[in-house]
Amino acid sequence: MKPMKTIRNLIVLLTAVCFGLAAIAFFLPQGIGTVCAIGTLALAALVLILCLAYGVLYFEQRRTAV
């Protein structure tokens, strides 16, 4: 149960950081904004991986609990 809570907290934190970087990238000039946009994409990919890991853990826990 503890790994699921940790992964969920990381997903929330990284999602907030992604939105912040996306907002920064929108308002910055093209060169710096591009760097922020690339960082946002990298973090979004990490969030997706964490969501998949959370889903696997969640469904595995439900399957073994029944």
C-alpha atoms as a PDB file:
ATOM      1  CA  MET A   1       0.000   0.000   0.000  1.00  0.00           C
ATOM      2  CA  LYS A   2       2.882   2.369   0.775  1.00  0.00           C
ATOM      3  CA  PRO A   3       4.380   2.227  -2.769  1.00  0.00           C
ATOM      4  CA  MET A   4       0.988   3.125  -4.238  1.00  0.00           C
ATOM      5  CA  LYS A   5       0.679   6.201  -2.023  1.00  0.00           C
ATOM      6  CA  THR A   6       4.223   7.280  -2.902  1.00  0.00           C
ATOM      7  CA  ILE A   7       3.599   6.855  -6.631  1.00  0.00           C
ATOM      8  CA  ARG A   8       0.314   8.761  -6.358  1.00  0.00           C
ATOM      9  CA  ASN A   9       2.042  11.641  -4.553  1.00  0.00           C
ATOM     10  CA  LEU A  10       4.779  11.724  -7.213  1.00  0.00           C
ATOM     11  CA  ILE A  11       2.170  11.804  -9.972  1.00  0.00           C
ATOM     12  CA  VAL A  12       0.424  14.783  -8.369  1.00  0.00           C
ATOM     13  CA  LEU A  13       3.691  16.643  -7.768  1.00  0.00           C
ATOM     14  CA  LEU A  14       5.099  16.046 -11.248  1.00  0.00           C
ATOM     15  CA  THR A  15       1.787  16.957 -12.882  1.00  0.00           C
ATOM     16  CA  ALA A  16       1.830  20.294 -11.059  1.00  0.00           C
ATOM     17  CA  VAL A  17       5.434  20.865 -12.167  1.00  0.00           C
ATOM     18  CA  CYS A  18       4.468  20.018 -15.770  1.00  0.00           C
ATOM     19  CA  PHE A  19       1.683  22.591 -15.741  1.00  0.00           C
ATOM     20  CA  GLY A  20       4.051  25.169 -14.253  1.00  0.00           C
ATOM     21  CA  LEU A  21       6.719  24.510 -16.877  1.00  0.00           C
ATOM     22  CA  ALA A  22       4.133  24.639 -19.643  1.00  0.00           C
ATOM     23  CA  ALA A  23       2.933  28.036 -18.413  1.00  0.00           C
ATOM     24  CA  ILE A  24       6.515  29.302 -18.203  1.00  0.00           C
ATOM     25  CA  ALA A  25       7.293  27.973 -21.688  1.00  0.00           C
ATOM     26  CA  PHE A  26       4.237  29.771 -23.057  1.00  0.00           C
ATOM     27  CA  PHE A  27       5.393  33.177 -21.809  1.00  0.00           C
ATOM     28  CA  LEU A  28       9.168  32.934 -22.349  1.00  0.00           C
ATOM     29  CA  PRO A  29      11.029  33.766 -25.557  1.00  0.00           C
ATOM     30  CA  GLN A  30      11.454  31.003 -28.092  1.00  0.00           C
ATOM     31  CA  GLY A  31      14.910  29.718 -27.060  1.00  0.00           C
ATOM     32  CA  ILE A  32      14.271  29.389 -23.328  1.00  0.00           C
ATOM     33  CA  GLY A  33      10.653  28.440 -23.917  1.00  0.00           C
ATOM     34  CA  THR A  34      11.770  25.527 -26.076  1.00  0.00           C
ATOM     35  CA  VAL A  35      13.956  24.214 -23.254  1.00  0.00           C
ATOM     36  CA  CYS A  36      11.021  24.460 -20.831  1.00  0.00           C
ATOM     37  CA  ALA A  37       8.763  22.742 -23.372  1.00  0.00           C
ATOM     38  CA  ILE A  38      11.229  19.863 -23.739  1.00  0.00           C
ATOM     39  CA  GLY A  39      11.405  19.579 -19.946  1.00  0.00           C
ATOM     40  CA  THR A  40       7.620  19.526 -19.806  1.00  0.00           C
ATOM     41  CA  LEU A  41       7.472  16.695 -22.344  1.00  0.00           C
ATOM     42  CA  ALA A  42      10.083  14.698 -20.428  1.00  0.00           C
ATOM     43  CA  LEU A  43       8.188  15.118 -17.160  1.00  0.00           C
ATOM     44  CA  ALA A  44       4.898  14.267 -18.858  1.00  0.00           C
ATOM     45  CA  ALA A  45       6.451  11.024 -20.110  1.00  0.00           C
ATOM     46  CA  LEU A  46       7.605  10.250 -16.564  1.00  0.00           C
ATOM     47  CA  VAL A  47       4.100  10.961 -15.248  1.00  0.00           C
ATOM     48  CA  LEU A  48       2.672   8.580 -17.847  1.00  0.00           C
ATOM     49  CA  ILE A  49       5.092   5.843 -16.769  1.00  0.00           C
ATOM     50  CA  LEU A  50       4.193   6.424 -13.116  1.00  0.00           C
ATOM     51  CA  CYS A  51       0.471   6.287 -13.954  1.00  0.00           C
ATOM     52  CA  LEU A  52       0.982   2.965 -15.704  1.00  0.00           C
ATOM     53  CA  ALA A  53       2.963   1.619 -12.732  1.00  0.00           C
ATOM     54  CA  TYR A  54       0.230   2.801 -10.366  1.00  0.00           C
ATOM     55  CA  GLY A  55      -2.425   1.111 -12.493  1.00  0.00           C
ATOM     56  CA  VAL A  56      -0.509  -2.157 -12.545  1.00  0.00           C
ATOM     57  CA  LEU A  57      -0.035  -2.081  -8.768  1.00  0.00           C
ATOM     58  CA  TYR A  58      -3.677  -1.150  -8.205  1.00  0.00           C
ATOM     59  CA  PHE A  59      -5.101  -3.927 -10.365  1.00  0.00           C
ATOM     60  CA  GLU A  60      -2.592  -6.461  -9.020  1.00  0.00           C
ATOM     61  CA  GLN A  61      -3.629  -5.571  -5.482  1.00  0.00           C
ATOM     62  CA  ARG A  62      -7.327  -5.918  -6.364  1.00  0.00           C
ATOM     63  CA  ARG A  63      -6.727  -9.232  -8.101  1.00  0.00           C
ATOM     64  CA  THR A  64      -4.857 -10.749  -5.161  1.00  0.00           C
ATOM     65  CA  ALA A  65      -7.320  -9.362  -2.578  1.00  0.00           C
ATOM     66  CA  VAL A  66     -10.260 -11.281  -4.048  1.00  0.00           C
END
